Amino acid sequence: LSNYLIQTSPNKELKVVIAFDCRHNSQKFAKIVAD
């Protein structure tokens, strides 16, 4: 997804927002995705 965003908007300051639910590992996975 990062590669696609960079390719489709090459000269833009890209921004994403990440949320997560109550499930096991959701918060840990969210941080990995943010990383």
PDB file of all heavy atoms in Angstrom:
ATOM      1  N   LEU A   1       0.836  -1.208   0.000  1.00  0.00           N
ATOM      2  CA  LEU A   1       0.000   0.000   0.000  1.00  0.00           C
ATOM      3  C   LEU A   1       0.869   1.257   0.000  1.00  0.00           C
ATOM      4  O   LEU A   1       0.580   2.224  -0.716  1.00  0.00           O
ATOM      5  CB  LEU A   1      -0.928  -0.019   1.215  1.00  0.00           C
ATOM      6  CG  LEU A   1      -1.824   1.211   1.427  1.00  0.00           C
ATOM      7  CD1 LEU A   1      -2.677   1.506   0.197  1.00  0.00           C
ATOM      8  CD2 LEU A   1      -2.721   1.019   2.660  1.00  0.00           C
ATOM      9  N   SER A   2       1.942   1.236   0.799  1.00  0.00           N
ATOM     10  CA  SER A   2       2.866   2.380   0.825  1.00  0.00           C
ATOM     11  C   SER A   2       3.452   2.627  -0.570  1.00  0.00           C
ATOM     12  O   SER A   2       3.489   3.776  -1.047  1.00  0.00           O
ATOM     13  CB  SER A   2       4.005   2.116   1.814  1.00  0.00           C
ATOM     14  OG  SER A   2       3.528   1.975   3.121  1.00  0.00           O
ATOM     15  N   ASN A   3       3.888   1.565  -1.223  1.00  0.00           N
ATOM     16  CA  ASN A   3       4.464   1.697  -2.571  1.00  0.00           C
ATOM     17  C   ASN A   3       3.441   2.273  -3.547  1.00  0.00           C
ATOM     18  O   ASN A   3       3.765   3.109  -4.392  1.00  0.00           O
ATOM     19  CB  ASN A   3       4.953   0.332  -3.078  1.00  0.00           C
ATOM     20  CG  ASN A   3       6.162  -0.173  -2.315  1.00  0.00           C
ATOM     21  OD1 ASN A   3       6.736   0.531  -1.498  1.00  0.00           O
ATOM     22  ND2 ASN A   3       6.543  -1.414  -2.565  1.00  0.00           N
ATOM     23  N   TYR A   4       2.179   1.826  -3.410  1.00  0.00           N
ATOM     24  CA  TYR A   4       1.121   2.309  -4.311  1.00  0.00           C
ATOM     25  C   TYR A   4       0.827   3.790  -4.058  1.00  0.00           C
ATOM     26  O   TYR A   4       0.680   4.574  -5.009  1.00  0.00           O
ATOM     27  CB  TYR A   4      -0.139   1.468  -4.126  1.00  0.00           C
ATOM     28  CG  TYR A   4      -1.273   1.863  -5.058  1.00  0.00           C
ATOM     29  CD1 TYR A   4      -1.183   1.623  -6.427  1.00  0.00           C
ATOM     30  CD2 TYR A   4      -2.422   2.479  -4.566  1.00  0.00           C
ATOM     31  CE1 TYR A   4      -2.209   1.984  -7.283  1.00  0.00           C
ATOM     32  CE2 TYR A   4      -3.454   2.843  -5.412  1.00  0.00           C
ATOM     33  CZ  TYR A   4      -3.340   2.593  -6.766  1.00  0.00           C
ATOM     34  OH  TYR A   4      -4.369   2.967  -7.608  1.00  0.00           O
ATOM     35  N   LEU A   5       0.747   4.183  -2.785  1.00  0.00           N
ATOM     36  CA  LEU A   5       0.492   5.591  -2.453  1.00  0.00           C
ATOM     37  C   LEU A   5       1.610   6.486  -2.982  1.00  0.00           C
ATOM     38  O   LEU A   5       1.348   7.550  -3.568  1.00  0.00           O
ATOM     39  CB  LEU A   5       0.369   5.757  -0.936  1.00  0.00           C
ATOM     40  CG  LEU A   5      -0.925   5.255  -0.285  1.00  0.00           C
ATOM     41  CD1 LEU A   5      -0.771   5.177   1.228  1.00  0.00           C
ATOM     42  CD2 LEU A   5      -2.103   6.147  -0.649  1.00  0.00           C
ATOM     43  N   ILE A   6       2.844   6.048  -2.790  1.00  0.00           N
ATOM     44  CA  ILE A   6       3.990   6.846  -3.249  1.00  0.00           C
ATOM     45  C   ILE A   6       4.009   6.947  -4.774  1.00  0.00           C
ATOM     46  O   ILE A   6       4.278   7.997  -5.350  1.00  0.00           O
ATOM     47  CB  ILE A   6       5.309   6.241  -2.711  1.00  0.00           C
ATOM     48  CG1 ILE A   6       5.382   6.425  -1.185  1.00  0.00           C
ATOM     49  CG2 ILE A   6       6.527   6.854  -3.392  1.00  0.00           C
ATOM     50  CD1 ILE A   6       6.404   5.541  -0.490  1.00  0.00           C
ATOM     51  N   GLN A   7       3.654   5.846  -5.444  1.00  0.00           N
ATOM     52  CA  GLN A   7       3.640   5.836  -6.913  1.00  0.00           C
ATOM     53  C   GLN A   7       2.535   6.733  -7.473  1.00  0.00           C
ATOM     54  O   GLN A   7       2.738   7.458  -8.446  1.00  0.00           O
ATOM     55  CB  GLN A   7       3.435   4.407  -7.418  1.00  0.00           C
ATOM     56  CG  GLN A   7       3.394   4.290  -8.947  1.00  0.00           C
ATOM     57  CD  GLN A   7       2.923   2.917  -9.405  1.00  0.00           C
ATOM     58  OE1 GLN A   7       3.455   1.905  -8.966  1.00  0.00           O
ATOM     59  NE2 GLN A   7       1.924   2.878 -10.277  1.00  0.00           N
ATOM     60  N   THR A   8       1.355   6.685  -6.846  1.00  0.00           N
ATOM     61  CA  THR A   8       0.213   7.443  -7.383  1.00  0.00           C
ATOM     62  C   THR A   8       0.229   8.920  -6.973  1.00  0.00           C
ATOM     63  O   THR A   8      -0.406   9.737  -7.623  1.00  0.00           O
ATOM     64  CB  THR A   8      -1.123   6.805  -6.960  1.00  0.00           C
ATOM     65  OG1 THR A   8      -1.131   6.632  -5.528  1.00  0.00           O
ATOM     66  CG2 THR A   8      -1.324   5.451  -7.632  1.00  0.00           C
ATOM     67  N   SER A   9       0.949   9.250  -5.898  1.00  0.00           N
ATOM     68  CA  SER A   9       1.046  10.653  -5.457  1.00  0.00           C
ATOM     69  C   SER A   9       2.513  10.964  -5.134  1.00  0.00           C
ATOM     70  O   SER A   9       2.876  11.184  -3.975  1.00  0.00           O
ATOM     71  CB  SER A   9       0.175  10.888  -4.227  1.00  0.00           C
ATOM     72  OG  SER A   9      -1.161  10.547  -4.477  1.00  0.00           O
ATOM     73  N   PRO A  10       3.360  11.006  -6.173  1.00  0.00           N
ATOM     74  CA  PRO A  10       4.807  11.060  -5.947  1.00  0.00           C
ATOM     75  C   PRO A  10       5.313  12.344  -5.279  1.00  0.00           C
ATOM     76  O   PRO A  10       6.332  12.323  -4.607  1.00  0.00           O
ATOM     77  CB  PRO A  10       5.396  10.910  -7.357  1.00  0.00           C
ATOM     78  CG  PRO A  10       4.297  11.316  -8.283  1.00  0.00           C
ATOM     79  CD  PRO A  10       3.028  10.935  -7.601  1.00  0.00           C
ATOM     80  N   ASN A  11       4.605  13.454  -5.445  1.00  0.00           N
ATOM     81  CA  ASN A  11       5.103  14.722  -4.916  1.00  0.00           C
ATOM     82  C   ASN A  11       4.252  15.254  -3.775  1.00  0.00           C
ATOM     83  O   ASN A  11       4.214  16.454  -3.517  1.00  0.00           O
ATOM     84  CB  ASN A  11       5.167  15.763  -6.039  1.00  0.00           C
ATOM     85  CG  ASN A  11       6.080  15.307  -7.163  1.00  0.00           C
ATOM     86  OD1 ASN A  11       7.205  14.887  -6.913  1.00  0.00           O
ATOM     87  ND2 ASN A  11       5.587  15.353  -8.387  1.00  0.00           N
ATOM     88  N   LYS A  12       3.565  14.348  -3.090  1.00  0.00           N
ATOM     89  CA  LYS A  12       2.642  14.765  -2.034  1.00  0.00           C
ATOM     90  C   LYS A  12       3.146  14.298  -0.673  1.00  0.00           C
ATOM     91  O   LYS A  12       3.747  13.231  -0.557  1.00  0.00           O
ATOM     92  CB  LYS A  12       1.253  14.155  -2.308  1.00  0.00           C
ATOM     93  CG  LYS A  12       0.174  14.670  -1.405  1.00  0.00           C
ATOM     94  CD  LYS A  12      -1.166  14.031  -1.746  1.00  0.00           C
ATOM     95  CE  LYS A  12      -2.243  14.567  -0.816  1.00  0.00           C
ATOM     96  NZ  LYS A  12      -3.497  13.831  -0.923  1.00  0.00           N
ATOM     97  N   GLU A  13       2.872  15.106   0.350  1.00  0.00           N
ATOM     98  CA  GLU A  13       3.155  14.675   1.715  1.00  0.00           C
ATOM     99  C   GLU A  13       2.018  13.745   2.135  1.00  0.00           C
ATOM    100  O   GLU A  13       0.914  14.191   2.439  1.00  0.00           O
ATOM    101  CB  GLU A  13       3.231  15.872   2.666  1.00  0.00           C
ATOM    102  CG  GLU A  13       3.666  15.472   4.076  1.00  0.00           C
ATOM    103  CD  GLU A  13       3.591  16.629   5.074  1.00  0.00           C
ATOM    104  OE1 GLU A  13       3.594  17.789   4.637  1.00  0.00           O
ATOM    105  OE2 GLU A  13       3.503  16.343   6.279  1.00  0.00           O
ATOM    106  N   LEU A  14       2.272  12.466   2.124  1.00  0.00           N
ATOM    107  CA  LEU A  14       1.218  11.468   2.334  1.00  0.00           C
ATOM    108  C   LEU A  14       0.896  11.309   3.818  1.00  0.00           C
ATOM    109  O   LEU A  14       1.786  11.373   4.677  1.00  0.00           O
ATOM    110  CB  LEU A  14       1.656  10.120   1.754  1.00  0.00           C
ATOM    111  CG  LEU A  14       1.811  10.090   0.228  1.00  0.00           C
ATOM    112  CD1 LEU A  14       2.593   8.861  -0.201  1.00  0.00           C
ATOM    113  CD2 LEU A  14       0.441  10.120  -0.453  1.00  0.00           C
ATOM    114  N   LYS A  15      -0.409  11.073   4.099  1.00  0.00           N
ATOM    115  CA  LYS A  15      -0.866  10.896   5.478  1.00  0.00           C
ATOM    116  C   LYS A  15      -1.833   9.726   5.556  1.00  0.00           C
ATOM    117  O   LYS A  15      -2.693   9.580   4.685  1.00  0.00           O
ATOM    118  CB  LYS A  15      -1.570  12.166   5.977  1.00  0.00           C
ATOM    119  CG  LYS A  15      -0.677  13.388   6.074  1.00  0.00           C
ATOM    120  CD  LYS A  15      -1.428  14.585   6.635  1.00  0.00           C
ATOM    121  CE  LYS A  15      -2.407  15.154   5.646  1.00  0.00           C
ATOM    122  NZ  LYS A  15      -3.038  16.405   6.122  1.00  0.00           N
ATOM    123  N   VAL A  16      -1.706   8.932   6.610  1.00  0.00           N
ATOM    124  CA  VAL A  16      -2.649   7.846   6.865  1.00  0.00           C
ATOM    125  C   VAL A  16      -3.073   7.892   8.328  1.00  0.00           C
ATOM    126  O   VAL A  16      -2.356   8.440   9.173  1.00  0.00           O
ATOM    127  CB  VAL A  16      -2.067   6.449   6.538  1.00  0.00           C
ATOM    128  CG1 VAL A  16      -1.666   6.334   5.086  1.00  0.00           C
ATOM    129  CG2 VAL A  16      -0.890   6.127   7.451  1.00  0.00           C
ATOM    130  N   VAL A  17      -4.237   7.328   8.616  1.00  0.00           N
ATOM    131  CA  VAL A  17      -4.703   7.227  10.001  1.00  0.00           C
ATOM    132  C   VAL A  17      -4.997   5.766  10.299  1.00  0.00           C
ATOM    133  O   VAL A  17      -5.510   5.042   9.436  1.00  0.00           O
ATOM    134  CB  VAL A  17      -5.933   8.128  10.257  1.00  0.00           C
ATOM    135  CG1 VAL A  17      -7.080   7.832   9.310  1.00  0.00           C
ATOM    136  CG2 VAL A  17      -6.389   8.046  11.714  1.00  0.00           C
ATOM    137  N   ILE A  18      -4.658   5.328  11.510  1.00  0.00           N
ATOM    138  CA  ILE A  18      -4.787   3.911  11.882  1.00  0.00           C
ATOM    139  C   ILE A  18      -5.580   3.784  13.179  1.00  0.00           C
ATOM    140  O   ILE A  18      -5.307   4.476  14.164  1.00  0.00           O
ATOM    141  CB  ILE A  18      -3.398   3.257  12.077  1.00  0.00           C
ATOM    142  CG1 ILE A  18      -2.562   3.362  10.796  1.00  0.00           C
ATOM    143  CG2 ILE A  18      -3.540   1.789  12.487  1.00  0.00           C
ATOM    144  CD1 ILE A  18      -1.111   2.959  10.987  1.00  0.00           C
ATOM    145  N   ALA A  19      -6.568   2.884  13.164  1.00  0.00           N
ATOM    146  CA  ALA A  19      -7.338   2.553  14.370  1.00  0.00           C
ATOM    147  C   ALA A  19      -7.284   1.046  14.580  1.00  0.00           C
ATOM    148  O   ALA A  19      -6.888   0.291  13.687  1.00  0.00           O
ATOM    149  CB  ALA A  19      -8.785   3.023  14.233  1.00  0.00           C
ATOM    150  N   PHE A  20      -7.712   0.620  15.772  1.00  0.00           N
ATOM    151  CA  PHE A  20      -7.723  -0.812  16.070  1.00  0.00           C
ATOM    152  C   PHE A  20      -8.813  -1.107  17.086  1.00  0.00           C
ATOM    153  O   PHE A  20      -9.284  -0.230  17.802  1.00  0.00           O
ATOM    154  CB  PHE A  20      -6.353  -1.278  16.584  1.00  0.00           C
ATOM    155  CG  PHE A  20      -5.842  -0.532  17.782  1.00  0.00           C
ATOM    156  CD1 PHE A  20      -6.112  -0.976  19.075  1.00  0.00           C
ATOM    157  CD2 PHE A  20      -5.098   0.632  17.628  1.00  0.00           C
ATOM    158  CE1 PHE A  20      -5.639  -0.280  20.184  1.00  0.00           C
ATOM    159  CE2 PHE A  20      -4.616   1.330  18.732  1.00  0.00           C
ATOM    160  CZ  PHE A  20      -4.895   0.874  20.012  1.00  0.00           C
ATOM    161  N   ASP A  21      -9.216  -2.402  17.130  1.00  0.00           N
ATOM    162  CA  ASP A  21     -10.319  -2.797  18.010  1.00  0.00           C
ATOM    163  C   ASP A  21      -9.796  -3.483  19.277  1.00  0.00           C
ATOM    164  O   ASP A  21      -8.624  -3.355  19.640  1.00  0.00           O
ATOM    165  CB  ASP A  21     -11.333  -3.662  17.245  1.00  0.00           C
ATOM    166  CG  ASP A  21     -10.796  -5.048  16.896  1.00  0.00           C
ATOM    167  OD1 ASP A  21      -9.655  -5.377  17.267  1.00  0.00           O
ATOM    168  OD2 ASP A  21     -11.544  -5.825  16.254  1.00  0.00           O
ATOM    169  N   CYS A  22     -10.684  -4.260  19.913  1.00  0.00           N
ATOM    170  CA  CYS A  22     -10.400  -4.864  21.222  1.00  0.00           C
ATOM    171  C   CYS A  22      -9.728  -6.229  21.128  1.00  0.00           C
ATOM    172  O   CYS A  22      -9.460  -6.871  22.143  1.00  0.00           O
ATOM    173  CB  CYS A  22     -11.714  -5.019  21.987  1.00  0.00           C
ATOM    174  SG  CYS A  22     -12.919  -6.044  21.085  1.00  0.00           S
ATOM    175  N   ARG A  23      -9.433  -6.694  19.923  1.00  0.00           N
ATOM    176  CA  ARG A  23      -8.961  -8.073  19.752  1.00  0.00           C
ATOM    177  C   ARG A  23      -7.526  -8.270  20.227  1.00  0.00           C
ATOM    178  O   ARG A  23      -6.748  -7.323  20.324  1.00  0.00           O
ATOM    179  CB  ARG A  23      -9.068  -8.481  18.277  1.00  0.00           C
ATOM    180  CG  ARG A  23     -10.491  -8.661  17.855  1.00  0.00           C
ATOM    181  CD  ARG A  23     -10.649  -9.060  16.408  1.00  0.00           C
ATOM    182  NE  ARG A  23     -12.063  -9.396  16.247  1.00  0.00           N
ATOM    183  CZ  ARG A  23     -12.567 -10.587  16.480  1.00  0.00           C
ATOM    184  NH1 ARG A  23     -11.785 -11.592  16.815  1.00  0.00           N
ATOM    185  NH2 ARG A  23     -13.860 -10.797  16.362  1.00  0.00           N
ATOM    186  N   HIS A  24      -7.215  -9.551  20.461  1.00  0.00           N
ATOM    187  CA  HIS A  24      -5.841  -9.899  20.814  1.00  0.00           C
ATOM    188  C   HIS A  24      -4.905  -9.413  19.709  1.00  0.00           C
ATOM    189  O   HIS A  24      -5.170  -9.626  18.520  1.00  0.00           O
ATOM    190  CB  HIS A  24      -5.689 -11.413  20.982  1.00  0.00           C
ATOM    191  CG  HIS A  24      -6.529 -11.974  22.090  1.00  0.00           C
ATOM    192  ND1 HIS A  24      -6.417 -11.541  23.393  1.00  0.00           N
ATOM    193  CD2 HIS A  24      -7.512 -12.905  22.091  1.00  0.00           C
ATOM    194  CE1 HIS A  24      -7.284 -12.205  24.153  1.00  0.00           C
ATOM    195  NE2 HIS A  24      -7.965 -13.032  23.382  1.00  0.00           N
ATOM    196  N   ASN A  25      -3.844  -8.766  20.096  1.00  0.00           N
ATOM    197  CA  ASN A  25      -2.785  -8.291  19.194  1.00  0.00           C
ATOM    198  C   ASN A  25      -3.156  -7.085  18.332  1.00  0.00           C
ATOM    199  O   ASN A  25      -2.312  -6.594  17.574  1.00  0.00           O
ATOM    200  CB  ASN A  25      -2.284  -9.421  18.265  1.00  0.00           C
ATOM    201  CG  ASN A  25      -1.730 -10.603  19.035  1.00  0.00           C
ATOM    202  OD1 ASN A  25      -0.949 -10.426  19.961  1.00  0.00           O
ATOM    203  ND2 ASN A  25      -2.149 -11.803  18.676  1.00  0.00           N
ATOM    204  N   SER A  26      -4.393  -6.594  18.418  1.00  0.00           N
ATOM    205  CA  SER A  26      -4.783  -5.481  17.539  1.00  0.00           C
ATOM    206  C   SER A  26      -3.894  -4.261  17.740  1.00  0.00           C
ATOM    207  O   SER A  26      -3.454  -3.631  16.770  1.00  0.00           O
ATOM    208  CB  SER A  26      -6.247  -5.104  17.762  1.00  0.00           C
ATOM    209  OG  SER A  26      -7.110  -6.025  17.146  1.00  0.00           O
ATOM    210  N   GLN A  27      -3.649  -3.909  19.008  1.00  0.00           N
ATOM    211  CA  GLN A  27      -2.818  -2.730  19.262  1.00  0.00           C
ATOM    212  C   GLN A  27      -1.386  -2.956  18.785  1.00  0.00           C
ATOM    213  O   GLN A  27      -0.775  -2.069  18.176  1.00  0.00           O
ATOM    214  CB  GLN A  27      -2.842  -2.381  20.754  1.00  0.00           C
ATOM    215  CG  GLN A  27      -2.116  -1.082  21.070  1.00  0.00           C
ATOM    216  CD  GLN A  27      -2.468  -0.515  22.433  1.00  0.00           C
ATOM    217  OE1 GLN A  27      -3.102  -1.171  23.251  1.00  0.00           O
ATOM    218  NE2 GLN A  27      -2.075   0.728  22.674  1.00  0.00           N
ATOM    219  N   LYS A  28      -0.858  -4.142  19.030  1.00  0.00           N
ATOM    220  CA  LYS A  28       0.503  -4.476  18.586  1.00  0.00           C
ATOM    221  C   LYS A  28       0.584  -4.430  17.058  1.00  0.00           C
ATOM    222  O   LYS A  28       1.524  -3.858  16.490  1.00  0.00           O
ATOM    223  CB  LYS A  28       0.883  -5.872  19.098  1.00  0.00           C
ATOM    224  CG  LYS A  28       2.296  -6.311  18.723  1.00  0.00           C
ATOM    225  CD  LYS A  28       2.627  -7.695  19.264  1.00  0.00           C
ATOM    226  CE  LYS A  28       2.096  -8.783  18.344  1.00  0.00           C
ATOM    227  NZ  LYS A  28       2.562 -10.138  18.748  1.00  0.00           N
ATOM    228  N   PHE A  29      -0.419  -5.017  16.393  1.00  0.00           N
ATOM    229  CA  PHE A  29      -0.436  -5.008  14.925  1.00  0.00           C
ATOM    230  C   PHE A  29      -0.542  -3.576  14.387  1.00  0.00           C
ATOM    231  O   PHE A  29       0.088  -3.234  13.385  1.00  0.00           O
ATOM    232  CB  PHE A  29      -1.595  -5.849  14.398  1.00  0.00           C
ATOM    233  CG  PHE A  29      -1.418  -7.343  14.542  1.00  0.00           C
ATOM    234  CD1 PHE A  29      -2.535  -8.180  14.613  1.00  0.00           C
ATOM    235  CD2 PHE A  29      -0.161  -7.923  14.593  1.00  0.00           C
ATOM    236  CE1 PHE A  29      -2.397  -9.564  14.731  1.00  0.00           C
ATOM    237  CE2 PHE A  29      -0.010  -9.309  14.701  1.00  0.00           C
ATOM    238  CZ  PHE A  29      -1.129 -10.125  14.775  1.00  0.00           C
ATOM    239  N   ALA A  30      -1.346  -2.743  15.054  1.00  0.00           N
ATOM    240  CA  ALA A  30      -1.518  -1.358  14.610  1.00  0.00           C
ATOM    241  C   ALA A  30      -0.188  -0.613  14.640  1.00  0.00           C
ATOM    242  O   ALA A  30       0.128   0.162  13.728  1.00  0.00           O
ATOM    243  CB  ALA A  30      -2.554  -0.647  15.476  1.00  0.00           C
ATOM    244  N   LYS A  31       0.598  -0.868  15.675  1.00  0.00           N
ATOM    245  CA  LYS A  31       1.911  -0.199  15.777  1.00  0.00           C
ATOM    246  C   LYS A  31       2.859  -0.717  14.700  1.00  0.00           C
ATOM    247  O   LYS A  31       3.628   0.062  14.105  1.00  0.00           O
ATOM    248  CB  LYS A  31       2.506  -0.432  17.172  1.00  0.00           C
ATOM    249  CG  LYS A  31       3.871   0.223  17.388  1.00  0.00           C
ATOM    250  CD  LYS A  31       3.828   1.740  17.195  1.00  0.00           C
ATOM    251  CE  LYS A  31       5.105   2.447  17.665  1.00  0.00           C
ATOM    252  NZ  LYS A  31       6.267   2.217  16.832  1.00  0.00           N
ATOM    253  N   ILE A  32       2.806  -2.016  14.406  1.00  0.00           N
ATOM    254  CA  ILE A  32       3.641  -2.569  13.324  1.00  0.00           C
ATOM    255  C   ILE A  32       3.289  -1.903  11.997  1.00  0.00           C
ATOM    256  O   ILE A  32       4.168  -1.502  11.224  1.00  0.00           O
ATOM    257  CB  ILE A  32       3.474  -4.105  13.230  1.00  0.00           C
ATOM    258  CG1 ILE A  32       4.140  -4.783  14.440  1.00  0.00           C
ATOM    259  CG2 ILE A  32       4.061  -4.648  11.926  1.00  0.00           C
ATOM    260  CD1 ILE A  32       3.767  -6.252  14.610  1.00  0.00           C
ATOM    261  N   VAL A  33       1.996  -1.768  11.732  1.00  0.00           N
ATOM    262  CA  VAL A  33       1.527  -1.132  10.497  1.00  0.00           C
ATOM    263  C   VAL A  33       1.992   0.334  10.455  1.00  0.00           C
ATOM    264  O   VAL A  33       2.461   0.822   9.419  1.00  0.00           O
ATOM    265  CB  VAL A  33      -0.011  -1.242  10.392  1.00  0.00           C
ATOM    266  CG1 VAL A  33      -0.552  -0.379   9.258  1.00  0.00           C
ATOM    267  CG2 VAL A  33      -0.427  -2.704  10.177  1.00  0.00           C
ATOM    268  N   ALA A  34       1.874   1.021  11.598  1.00  0.00           N
ATOM    269  CA  ALA A  34       2.341   2.415  11.682  1.00  0.00           C
ATOM    270  C   ALA A  34       3.843   2.499  11.415  1.00  0.00           C
ATOM    271  O   ALA A  34       4.316   3.408  10.711  1.00  0.00           O
ATOM    272  CB  ALA A  34       2.009   2.985  13.056  1.00  0.00           C
ATOM    273  N   ASP A  35       4.592   1.556  11.956  1.00  0.00           N
ATOM    274  CA  ASP A  35       6.040   1.523  11.744  1.00  0.00           C
ATOM    275  C   ASP A  35       6.383   1.430  10.257  1.00  0.00           C
ATOM    276  O   ASP A  35       7.267   2.142   9.757  1.00  0.00           O
ATOM    277  CB  ASP A  35       6.666   0.333  12.478  1.00  0.00           C
ATOM    278  CG  ASP A  35       6.661   0.497  13.997  1.00  0.00           C
ATOM    279  OD1 ASP A  35       6.380   1.618  14.476  1.00  0.00           O
ATOM    280  OD2 ASP A  35       6.926  -0.508  14.699  1.00  0.00           O
TER     281      ASP A  35
END
